[in-house]
Amino acid sequence: MVGKNLSVIWDDQAKEFLRKAVEYIKLDSPQNAEKVKKDIRAAAKDLSKYPTRYPPDKYRLYNDGSYRCFLMHNLRITYFIGPEKIRIVDLRHSKQAPIYY
């Protein structure tokens, strides 16, 4: 997978969660809100260069390694590595109870 740049797309649910999280953070600190948004978008974009950088998602049942996740700014970002593209499928706050899916 290294060397083949895959495009990164965001599911609507993940985009909406990021938007709401940034709005919530903005209530206390507009600067931190922009930093969180910028950092997460940059990390997602970097996935195209090396998609297997992060470990497989331990909460995904019967995961063949296609679903992976990472933590950033107390948010858990889950993504799927497909043959043509990488999909950001979910964002959750790390303090939320884990969901096995």
PDB file of N, CA and C in Angstrom:
ATOM      1  N   MET A   1       0.808  -1.188   0.000  1.00  0.00           N
ATOM      2  CA  MET A   1       0.000   0.000   0.000  1.00  0.00           C
ATOM      3  C   MET A   1       0.857   1.261   0.000  1.00  0.00           C
ATOM      4  N   VAL A   2       2.071   1.157   0.446  1.00  0.00           N
ATOM      5  CA  VAL A   2       2.929   2.331   0.431  1.00  0.00           C
ATOM      6  C   VAL A   2       3.264   2.652  -1.008  1.00  0.00           C
ATOM      7  N   GLY A   3       3.234   3.942  -1.370  1.00  0.00           N
ATOM      8  CA  GLY A   3       3.553   4.332  -2.728  1.00  0.00           C
ATOM      9  C   GLY A   3       2.325   4.619  -3.568  1.00  0.00           C
ATOM     10  N   LYS A   4       1.200   4.003  -3.271  1.00  0.00           N
ATOM     11  CA  LYS A   4      -0.025   4.259  -4.008  1.00  0.00           C
ATOM     12  C   LYS A   4      -0.863   5.241  -3.203  1.00  0.00           C
ATOM     13  N   ASN A   5      -1.010   6.464  -3.702  1.00  0.00           N
ATOM     14  CA  ASN A   5      -1.795   7.472  -3.000  1.00  0.00           C
ATOM     15  C   ASN A   5      -3.271   7.268  -3.282  1.00  0.00           C
ATOM     16  N   LEU A   6      -4.012   6.929  -2.240  1.00  0.00           N
ATOM     17  CA  LEU A   6      -5.454   6.758  -2.335  1.00  0.00           C
ATOM     18  C   LEU A   6      -6.124   8.067  -1.941  1.00  0.00           C
ATOM     19  N   SER A   7      -7.263   8.358  -2.552  1.00  0.00           N
ATOM     20  CA  SER A   7      -7.990   9.562  -2.161  1.00  0.00           C
ATOM     21  C   SER A   7      -8.695   9.309  -0.826  1.00  0.00           C
ATOM     22  N   VAL A   8      -8.869  10.362  -0.051  1.00  0.00           N
ATOM     23  CA  VAL A   8      -9.529  10.277   1.252  1.00  0.00           C
ATOM     24  C   VAL A   8     -10.854  11.009   1.157  1.00  0.00           C
ATOM     25  N   ILE A   9     -11.940  10.304   1.508  1.00  0.00           N
ATOM     26  CA  ILE A   9     -13.259  10.933   1.529  1.00  0.00           C
ATOM     27  C   ILE A   9     -13.861  10.770   2.926  1.00  0.00           C
ATOM     28  N   TRP A  10     -14.734  11.674   3.272  1.00  0.00           N
ATOM     29  CA  TRP A  10     -15.383  11.671   4.577  1.00  0.00           C
ATOM     30  C   TRP A  10     -16.850  11.284   4.427  1.00  0.00           C
ATOM     31  N   ASP A  11     -17.324  10.332   5.251  1.00  0.00           N
ATOM     32  CA  ASP A  11     -18.750  10.048   5.310  1.00  0.00           C
ATOM     33  C   ASP A  11     -19.459  11.247   5.928  1.00  0.00           C
ATOM     34  N   ASP A  12     -20.715  11.434   5.577  1.00  0.00           N
ATOM     35  CA  ASP A  12     -21.474  12.572   6.091  1.00  0.00           C
ATOM     36  C   ASP A  12     -21.540  12.581   7.615  1.00  0.00           C
ATOM     37  N   GLN A  13     -21.719  11.415   8.213  1.00  0.00           N
ATOM     38  CA  GLN A  13     -21.817  11.312   9.674  1.00  0.00           C
ATOM     39  C   GLN A  13     -20.514  11.788  10.334  1.00  0.00           C
ATOM     40  N   ALA A  14     -19.393  11.420   9.781  1.00  0.00           N
ATOM     41  CA  ALA A  14     -18.100  11.827  10.342  1.00  0.00           C
ATOM     42  C   ALA A  14     -17.889  13.331  10.181  1.00  0.00           C
ATOM     43  N   LYS A  15     -18.265  13.881   9.021  1.00  0.00           N
ATOM     44  CA  LYS A  15     -18.144  15.324   8.810  1.00  0.00           C
ATOM     45  C   LYS A  15     -19.001  16.092   9.805  1.00  0.00           C
ATOM     46  N   GLU A  16     -20.207  15.602  10.022  1.00  0.00           N
ATOM     47  CA  GLU A  16     -21.126  16.276  10.945  1.00  0.00           C
ATOM     48  C   GLU A  16     -20.608  16.228  12.378  1.00  0.00           C
ATOM     49  N   PHE A  17     -20.053  15.102  12.795  1.00  0.00           N
ATOM     50  CA  PHE A  17     -19.514  15.008  14.148  1.00  0.00           C
ATOM     51  C   PHE A  17     -18.335  15.963  14.324  1.00  0.00           C
ATOM     52  N   LEU A  18     -17.456  16.041  13.338  1.00  0.00           N
ATOM     53  CA  LEU A  18     -16.327  16.958  13.424  1.00  0.00           C
ATOM     54  C   LEU A  18     -16.823  18.403  13.501  1.00  0.00           C
ATOM     55  N   ARG A  19     -17.809  18.736  12.697  1.00  0.00           N
ATOM     56  CA  ARG A  19     -18.364  20.090  12.725  1.00  0.00           C
ATOM     57  C   ARG A  19     -18.920  20.434  14.104  1.00  0.00           C
ATOM     58  N   LYS A  20     -19.680  19.495  14.689  1.00  0.00           N
ATOM     59  CA  LYS A  20     -20.266  19.729  16.012  1.00  0.00           C
ATOM     60  C   LYS A  20     -19.185  19.817  17.094  1.00  0.00           C
ATOM     61  N   ALA A  21     -18.174  18.988  16.992  1.00  0.00           N
ATOM     62  CA  ALA A  21     -17.087  19.022  17.970  1.00  0.00           C
ATOM     63  C   ALA A  21     -16.351  20.351  17.901  1.00  0.00           C
ATOM     64  N   VAL A  22     -16.096  20.839  16.706  1.00  0.00           N
ATOM     65  CA  VAL A  22     -15.402  22.115  16.537  1.00  0.00           C
ATOM     66  C   VAL A  22     -16.265  23.257  17.076  1.00  0.00           C
ATOM     67  N   GLU A  23     -17.559  23.217  16.809  1.00  0.00           N
ATOM     68  CA  GLU A  23     -18.466  24.244  17.342  1.00  0.00           C
ATOM     69  C   GLU A  23     -18.472  24.242  18.870  1.00  0.00           C
ATOM     70  N   TYR A  24     -18.460  23.068  19.455  1.00  0.00           N
ATOM     71  CA  TYR A  24     -18.454  22.964  20.918  1.00  0.00           C
ATOM     72  C   TYR A  24     -17.146  23.523  21.503  1.00  0.00           C
ATOM     73  N   ILE A  25     -16.036  23.175  20.900  1.00  0.00           N
ATOM     74  CA  ILE A  25     -14.739  23.661  21.375  1.00  0.00           C
ATOM     75  C   ILE A  25     -14.652  25.180  21.199  1.00  0.00           C
ATOM     76  N   LYS A  26     -15.241  25.679  20.131  1.00  0.00           N
ATOM     77  CA  LYS A  26     -15.205  27.106  19.832  1.00  0.00           C
ATOM     78  C   LYS A  26     -15.868  27.943  20.928  1.00  0.00           C
ATOM     79  N   LEU A  27     -16.799  27.349  21.666  1.00  0.00           N
ATOM     80  CA  LEU A  27     -17.455  28.079  22.757  1.00  0.00           C
ATOM     81  C   LEU A  27     -16.440  28.523  23.810  1.00  0.00           C
ATOM     82  N   ASP A  28     -15.435  27.705  24.066  1.00  0.00           N
ATOM     83  CA  ASP A  28     -14.394  28.034  25.040  1.00  0.00           C
ATOM     84  C   ASP A  28     -13.172  28.683  24.398  1.00  0.00           C
ATOM     85  N   SER A  29     -12.796  28.212  23.222  1.00  0.00           N
ATOM     86  CA  SER A  29     -11.560  28.706  22.616  1.00  0.00           C
ATOM     87  C   SER A  29     -11.620  28.585  21.089  1.00  0.00           C
ATOM     88  N   PRO A  30     -11.873  29.691  20.413  1.00  0.00           N
ATOM     89  CA  PRO A  30     -11.880  29.641  18.942  1.00  0.00           C
ATOM     90  C   PRO A  30     -10.542  29.179  18.353  1.00  0.00           C
ATOM     91  N   GLN A  31      -9.433  29.545  19.005  1.00  0.00           N
ATOM     92  CA  GLN A  31      -8.120  29.140  18.498  1.00  0.00           C
ATOM     93  C   GLN A  31      -7.939  27.627  18.583  1.00  0.00           C
ATOM     94  N   ASN A  32      -8.333  27.037  19.706  1.00  0.00           N
ATOM     95  CA  ASN A  32      -8.216  25.583  19.844  1.00  0.00           C
ATOM     96  C   ASN A  32      -9.143  24.857  18.876  1.00  0.00           C
ATOM     97  N   ALA A  33     -10.318  25.415  18.646  1.00  0.00           N
ATOM     98  CA  ALA A  33     -11.260  24.792  17.709  1.00  0.00           C
ATOM     99  C   ALA A  33     -10.643  24.705  16.320  1.00  0.00           C
ATOM    100  N   GLU A  34     -10.027  25.788  15.878  1.00  0.00           N
ATOM    101  CA  GLU A  34      -9.391  25.781  14.560  1.00  0.00           C
ATOM    102  C   GLU A  34      -8.203  24.827  14.517  1.00  0.00           C
ATOM    103  N   LYS A  35      -7.459  24.752  15.616  1.00  0.00           N
ATOM    104  CA  LYS A  35      -6.314  23.835  15.688  1.00  0.00           C
ATOM    105  C   LYS A  35      -6.767  22.381  15.579  1.00  0.00           C
ATOM    106  N   VAL A  36      -7.835  22.028  16.293  1.00  0.00           N
ATOM    107  CA  VAL A  36      -8.366  20.659  16.249  1.00  0.00           C
ATOM    108  C   VAL A  36      -8.804  20.329  14.829  1.00  0.00           C
ATOM    109  N   LYS A  37      -9.569  21.227  14.220  1.00  0.00           N
ATOM    110  CA  LYS A  37     -10.056  20.980  12.855  1.00  0.00           C
ATOM    111  C   LYS A  37      -8.886  20.835  11.876  1.00  0.00           C
ATOM    112  N   LYS A  38      -7.923  21.734  11.974  1.00  0.00           N
ATOM    113  CA  LYS A  38      -6.769  21.701  11.076  1.00  0.00           C
ATOM    114  C   LYS A  38      -5.958  20.423  11.266  1.00  0.00           C
ATOM    115  N   ASP A  39      -5.690  20.045  12.518  1.00  0.00           N
ATOM    116  CA  ASP A  39      -4.886  18.852  12.796  1.00  0.00           C
ATOM    117  C   ASP A  39      -5.563  17.575  12.307  1.00  0.00           C
ATOM    118  N   ILE A  40      -6.857  17.458  12.551  1.00  0.00           N
ATOM    119  CA  ILE A  40      -7.578  16.242  12.145  1.00  0.00           C
ATOM    120  C   ILE A  40      -7.655  16.147  10.626  1.00  0.00           C
ATOM    121  N   ARG A  41      -7.935  17.250   9.973  1.00  0.00           N
ATOM    122  CA  ARG A  41      -7.981  17.227   8.498  1.00  0.00           C
ATOM    123  C   ARG A  41      -6.610  16.898   7.904  1.00  0.00           C
ATOM    124  N   ALA A  42      -5.550  17.436   8.507  1.00  0.00           N
ATOM    125  CA  ALA A  42      -4.201  17.146   8.009  1.00  0.00           C
ATOM    126  C   ALA A  42      -3.854  15.671   8.212  1.00  0.00           C
ATOM    127  N   ALA A  43      -4.212  15.124   9.377  1.00  0.00           N
ATOM    128  CA  ALA A  43      -3.946  13.703   9.642  1.00  0.00           C
ATOM    129  C   ALA A  43      -4.722  12.818   8.673  1.00  0.00           C
ATOM    130  N   ALA A  44      -5.970  13.190   8.388  1.00  0.00           N
ATOM    131  CA  ALA A  44      -6.776  12.415   7.442  1.00  0.00           C
ATOM    132  C   ALA A  44      -6.167  12.477   6.042  1.00  0.00           C
ATOM    133  N   LYS A  45      -5.717  13.646   5.650  1.00  0.00           N
ATOM    134  CA  LYS A  45      -5.094  13.795   4.327  1.00  0.00           C
ATOM    135  C   LYS A  45      -3.817  12.959   4.230  1.00  0.00           C
ATOM    136  N   ASP A  46      -3.049  12.902   5.317  1.00  0.00           N
ATOM    137  CA  ASP A  46      -1.807  12.118   5.321  1.00  0.00           C
ATOM    138  C   ASP A  46      -2.044  10.617   5.202  1.00  0.00           C
ATOM    139  N   LEU A  47      -3.257  10.173   5.492  1.00  0.00           N
ATOM    140  CA  LEU A  47      -3.562   8.747   5.363  1.00  0.00           C
ATOM    141  C   LEU A  47      -3.354   8.259   3.934  1.00  0.00           C
ATOM    142  N   SER A  48      -3.516   9.146   2.976  1.00  0.00           N
ATOM    143  CA  SER A  48      -3.368   8.728   1.573  1.00  0.00           C
ATOM    144  C   SER A  48      -1.941   8.280   1.265  1.00  0.00           C
ATOM    145  N   LYS A  49      -0.975   8.815   1.991  1.00  0.00           N
ATOM    146  CA  LYS A  49       0.424   8.445   1.752  1.00  0.00           C
ATOM    147  C   LYS A  49       0.801   7.112   2.387  1.00  0.00           C
ATOM    148  N   TYR A  50       0.251   6.858   3.571  1.00  0.00           N
ATOM    149  CA  TYR A  50       0.596   5.627   4.296  1.00  0.00           C
ATOM    150  C   TYR A  50      -0.620   5.169   5.111  1.00  0.00           C
ATOM    151  N   PRO A  51      -1.587   4.519   4.473  1.00  0.00           N
ATOM    152  CA  PRO A  51      -2.859   4.178   5.122  1.00  0.00           C
ATOM    153  C   PRO A  51      -2.748   3.191   6.282  1.00  0.00           C
ATOM    154  N   THR A  52      -1.711   2.374   6.305  1.00  0.00           N
ATOM    155  CA  THR A  52      -1.612   1.360   7.363  1.00  0.00           C
ATOM    156  C   THR A  52      -0.786   1.854   8.550  1.00  0.00           C
ATOM    157  N   ARG A  53      -0.575   3.147   8.643  1.00  0.00           N
ATOM    158  CA  ARG A  53       0.214   3.741   9.715  1.00  0.00           C
ATOM    159  C   ARG A  53      -0.380   3.423  11.095  1.00  0.00           C
ATOM    160  N   TYR A  54      -1.693   3.423  11.204  1.00  0.00           N
ATOM    161  CA  TYR A  54      -2.355   3.222  12.489  1.00  0.00           C
ATOM    162  C   TYR A  54      -2.829   1.776  12.634  1.00  0.00           C
ATOM    163  N   PRO A  55      -3.045   1.317  13.872  1.00  0.00           N
ATOM    164  CA  PRO A  55      -3.410  -0.083  14.097  1.00  0.00           C
ATOM    165  C   PRO A  55      -4.848  -0.382  13.672  1.00  0.00           C
ATOM    166  N   PRO A  56      -5.154  -1.667  13.443  1.00  0.00           N
ATOM    167  CA  PRO A  56      -6.535  -2.051  13.140  1.00  0.00           C
ATOM    168  C   PRO A  56      -7.473  -1.668  14.287  1.00  0.00           C
ATOM    169  N   ASP A  57      -8.712  -1.382  13.929  1.00  0.00           N
ATOM    170  CA  ASP A  57      -9.723  -0.979  14.908  1.00  0.00           C
ATOM    171  C   ASP A  57     -10.108  -2.184  15.762  1.00  0.00           C
ATOM    172  N   LYS A  58      -9.802  -2.112  17.049  1.00  0.00           N
ATOM    173  CA  LYS A  58     -10.070  -3.243  17.942  1.00  0.00           C
ATOM    174  C   LYS A  58     -11.547  -3.396  18.267  1.00  0.00           C
ATOM    175  N   TYR A  59     -12.369  -2.413  17.952  1.00  0.00           N
ATOM    176  CA  TYR A  59     -13.799  -2.510  18.223  1.00  0.00           C
ATOM    177  C   TYR A  59     -14.598  -2.998  17.026  1.00  0.00           C
ATOM    178  N   ARG A  60     -13.951  -3.184  15.907  1.00  0.00           N
ATOM    179  CA  ARG A  60     -14.616  -3.698  14.706  1.00  0.00           C
ATOM    180  C   ARG A  60     -14.601  -5.222  14.771  1.00  0.00           C
ATOM    181  N   LEU A  61     -15.780  -5.824  14.743  1.00  0.00           N
ATOM    182  CA  LEU A  61     -15.885  -7.283  14.766  1.00  0.00           C
ATOM    183  C   LEU A  61     -15.476  -7.842  13.405  1.00  0.00           C
ATOM    184  N   TYR A  62     -14.738  -8.913  13.412  1.00  0.00           N
ATOM    185  CA  TYR A  62     -14.289  -9.596  12.193  1.00  0.00           C
ATOM    186  C   TYR A  62     -13.522  -8.633  11.272  1.00  0.00           C
ATOM    187  N   ASN A  63     -12.644  -7.875  11.853  1.00  0.00           N
ATOM    188  CA  ASN A  63     -11.863  -6.901  11.095  1.00  0.00           C
ATOM    189  C   ASN A  63     -10.675  -7.599  10.430  1.00  0.00           C
ATOM    190  N   ASP A  64     -10.580  -7.454   9.128  1.00  0.00           N
ATOM    191  CA  ASP A  64      -9.449  -8.039   8.399  1.00  0.00           C
ATOM    192  C   ASP A  64      -8.284  -7.055   8.278  1.00  0.00           C
ATOM    193  N   GLY A  65      -8.367  -5.952   9.007  1.00  0.00           N
ATOM    194  CA  GLY A  65      -7.334  -4.930   8.953  1.00  0.00           C
ATOM    195  C   GLY A  65      -7.703  -3.756   8.066  1.00  0.00           C
ATOM    196  N   SER A  66      -8.849  -3.840   7.406  1.00  0.00           N
ATOM    197  CA  SER A  66      -9.290  -2.750   6.540  1.00  0.00           C
ATOM    198  C   SER A  66      -9.795  -1.556   7.334  1.00  0.00           C
ATOM    199  N   TYR A  67     -10.317  -1.815   8.524  1.00  0.00           N
ATOM    200  CA  TYR A  67     -10.783  -0.736   9.394  1.00  0.00           C
ATOM    201  C   TYR A  67      -9.686  -0.431  10.400  1.00  0.00           C
ATOM    202  N   ARG A  68      -9.283   0.827  10.466  1.00  0.00           N
ATOM    203  CA  ARG A  68      -8.219   1.252  11.367  1.00  0.00           C
ATOM    204  C   ARG A  68      -8.668   2.515  12.079  1.00  0.00           C
ATOM    205  N   CYS A  69      -7.967   2.850  13.150  1.00  0.00           N
ATOM    206  CA  CYS A  69      -8.352   4.050  13.886  1.00  0.00           C
ATOM    207  C   CYS A  69      -7.141   4.687  14.555  1.00  0.00           C
ATOM    208  N   PHE A  70      -7.305   5.955  14.914  1.00  0.00           N
ATOM    209  CA  PHE A  70      -6.284   6.673  15.662  1.00  0.00           C
ATOM    210  C   PHE A  70      -6.953   7.717  16.538  1.00  0.00           C
ATOM    211  N   LEU A  71      -6.248   8.133  17.568  1.00  0.00           N
ATOM    212  CA  LEU A  71      -6.742   9.153  18.486  1.00  0.00           C
ATOM    213  C   LEU A  71      -6.002  10.463  18.236  1.00  0.00           C
ATOM    214  N   MET A  72      -6.770  11.549  18.275  1.00  0.00           N
ATOM    215  CA  MET A  72      -6.183  12.874  18.148  1.00  0.00           C
ATOM    216  C   MET A  72      -7.112  13.867  18.833  1.00  0.00           C
ATOM    217  N   HIS A  73      -6.562  14.643  19.743  1.00  0.00           N
ATOM    218  CA  HIS A  73      -7.336  15.658  20.478  1.00  0.00           C
ATOM    219  C   HIS A  73      -8.565  15.039  21.147  1.00  0.00           C
ATOM    220  N   ASN A  74      -8.402  13.892  21.757  1.00  0.00           N
ATOM    221  CA  ASN A  74      -9.477  13.167  22.442  1.00  0.00           C
ATOM    222  C   ASN A  74     -10.602  12.723  21.510  1.00  0.00           C
ATOM    223  N   LEU A  75     -10.335  12.662  20.230  1.00  0.00           N
ATOM    224  CA  LEU A  75     -11.300  12.145  19.275  1.00  0.00           C
ATOM    225  C   LEU A  75     -10.730  10.884  18.647  1.00  0.00           C
ATOM    226  N   ARG A  76     -11.595   9.897  18.505  1.00  0.00           N
ATOM    227  CA  ARG A  76     -11.215   8.615  17.913  1.00  0.00           C
ATOM    228  C   ARG A  76     -11.714   8.616  16.476  1.00  0.00           C
ATOM    229  N   ILE A  77     -10.804   8.563  15.530  1.00  0.00           N
ATOM    230  CA  ILE A  77     -11.132   8.634  14.111  1.00  0.00           C
ATOM    231  C   ILE A  77     -10.980   7.237  13.517  1.00  0.00           C
ATOM    232  N   THR A  78     -12.068   6.727  12.949  1.00  0.00           N
ATOM    233  CA  THR A  78     -12.069   5.397  12.336  1.00  0.00           C
ATOM    234  C   THR A  78     -12.146   5.552  10.822  1.00  0.00           C
ATOM    235  N   TYR A  79     -11.323   4.784  10.120  1.00  0.00           N
ATOM    236  CA  TYR A  79     -11.338   4.860   8.662  1.00  0.00           C
ATOM    237  C   TYR A  79     -11.256   3.472   8.052  1.00  0.00           C
ATOM    238  N   PHE A  80     -11.698   3.378   6.808  1.00  0.00           N
ATOM    239  CA  PHE A  80     -11.727   2.129   6.047  1.00  0.00           C
ATOM    240  C   PHE A  80     -10.815   2.276   4.842  1.00  0.00           C
ATOM    241  N   ILE A  81      -9.939   1.306   4.654  1.00  0.00           N
ATOM    242  CA  ILE A  81      -9.036   1.309   3.505  1.00  0.00           C
ATOM    243  C   ILE A  81      -9.641   0.415   2.428  1.00  0.00           C
ATOM    244  N   GLY A  82     -10.104   1.037   1.365  1.00  0.00           N
ATOM    245  CA  GLY A  82     -10.669   0.299   0.240  1.00  0.00           C
ATOM    246  C   GLY A  82      -9.664   0.205  -0.892  1.00  0.00           C
ATOM    247  N   PRO A  83     -10.026  -0.463  -1.973  1.00  0.00           N
ATOM    248  CA  PRO A  83      -9.086  -0.622  -3.084  1.00  0.00           C
ATOM    249  C   PRO A  83      -8.805   0.684  -3.830  1.00  0.00           C
ATOM    250  N   GLU A  84      -9.761   1.610  -3.841  1.00  0.00           N
ATOM    251  CA  GLU A  84      -9.610   2.850  -4.594  1.00  0.00           C
ATOM    252  C   GLU A  84      -9.494   4.095  -3.722  1.00  0.00           C
ATOM    253  N   LYS A  85     -10.026   4.018  -2.484  1.00  0.00           N
ATOM    254  CA  LYS A  85     -10.048   5.209  -1.636  1.00  0.00           C
ATOM    255  C   LYS A  85     -10.083   4.834  -0.165  1.00  0.00           C
ATOM    256  N   ILE A  86      -9.823   5.824   0.653  1.00  0.00           N
ATOM    257  CA  ILE A  86      -9.905   5.681   2.106  1.00  0.00           C
ATOM    258  C   ILE A  86     -11.121   6.480   2.549  1.00  0.00           C
ATOM    259  N   ARG A  87     -11.994   5.854   3.341  1.00  0.00           N
ATOM    260  CA  ARG A  87     -13.182   6.535   3.842  1.00  0.00           C
ATOM    261  C   ARG A  87     -13.055   6.773   5.333  1.00  0.00           C
ATOM    262  N   ILE A  88     -13.199   8.017   5.772  1.00  0.00           N
ATOM    263  CA  ILE A  88     -13.314   8.329   7.191  1.00  0.00           C
ATOM    264  C   ILE A  88     -14.760   8.005   7.543  1.00  0.00           C
ATOM    265  N   VAL A  89     -14.956   6.965   8.354  1.00  0.00           N
ATOM    266  CA  VAL A  89     -16.314   6.485   8.596  1.00  0.00           C
ATOM    267  C   VAL A  89     -16.912   6.950   9.912  1.00  0.00           C
ATOM    268  N   ASP A  90     -16.083   7.288  10.904  1.00  0.00           N
ATOM    269  CA  ASP A  90     -16.663   7.649  12.192  1.00  0.00           C
ATOM    270  C   ASP A  90     -15.691   8.472  13.015  1.00  0.00           C
ATOM    271  N   LEU A  91     -16.240   9.375  13.802  1.00  0.00           N
ATOM    272  CA  LEU A  91     -15.505  10.113  14.820  1.00  0.00           C
ATOM    273  C   LEU A  91     -16.307   9.994  16.099  1.00  0.00           C
ATOM    274  N   ARG A  92     -15.613   9.755  17.189  1.00  0.00           N
ATOM    275  CA  ARG A  92     -16.256   9.680  18.505  1.00  0.00           C
ATOM    276  C   ARG A  92     -15.310  10.286  19.521  1.00  0.00           C
ATOM    277  N   HIS A  93     -15.896  10.863  20.549  1.00  0.00           N
ATOM    278  CA  HIS A  93     -15.048  11.350  21.636  1.00  0.00           C
ATOM    279  C   HIS A  93     -14.501  10.129  22.366  1.00  0.00           C
ATOM    280  N   SER A  94     -13.254  10.181  22.778  1.00  0.00           N
ATOM    281  CA  SER A  94     -12.619   9.014  23.394  1.00  0.00           C
ATOM    282  C   SER A  94     -13.204   8.677  24.765  1.00  0.00           C
ATOM    283  N   LYS A  95     -13.928   9.595  25.376  1.00  0.00           N
ATOM    284  CA  LYS A  95     -14.549   9.321  26.678  1.00  0.00           C
ATOM    285  C   LYS A  95     -15.884   8.587  26.529  1.00  0.00           C
ATOM    286  N   GLN A  96     -16.427   8.524  25.315  1.00  0.00           N
ATOM    287  CA  GLN A  96     -17.674   7.809  25.095  1.00  0.00           C
ATOM    288  C   GLN A  96     -17.441   6.309  25.222  1.00  0.00           C
ATOM    289  N   ALA A  97     -18.483   5.622  25.640  1.00  0.00           N
ATOM    290  CA  ALA A  97     -18.402   4.159  25.748  1.00  0.00           C
ATOM    291  C   ALA A  97     -18.127   3.569  24.372  1.00  0.00           C
ATOM    292  N   PRO A  98     -17.227   2.601  24.291  1.00  0.00           N
ATOM    293  CA  PRO A  98     -16.925   2.003  22.978  1.00  0.00           C
ATOM    294  C   PRO A  98     -18.113   1.212  22.440  1.00  0.00           C
ATOM    295  N   ILE A  99     -18.233   1.209  21.133  1.00  0.00           N
ATOM    296  CA  ILE A  99     -19.281   0.456  20.460  1.00  0.00           C
ATOM    297  C   ILE A  99     -18.596  -0.593  19.597  1.00  0.00           C
ATOM    298  N   TYR A 100     -18.963  -1.844  19.802  1.00  0.00           N
ATOM    299  CA  TYR A 100     -18.464  -2.907  18.933  1.00  0.00           C
ATOM    300  C   TYR A 100     -19.407  -2.978  17.741  1.00  0.00           C
ATOM    301  N   TYR A 101     -18.862  -2.977  16.564  1.00  0.00           N
ATOM    302  CA  TYR A 101     -19.710  -2.980  15.367  1.00  0.00           C
ATOM    303  C   TYR A 101     -19.167  -3.948  14.343  1.00  0.00           C
TER     304      TYR A 101
END
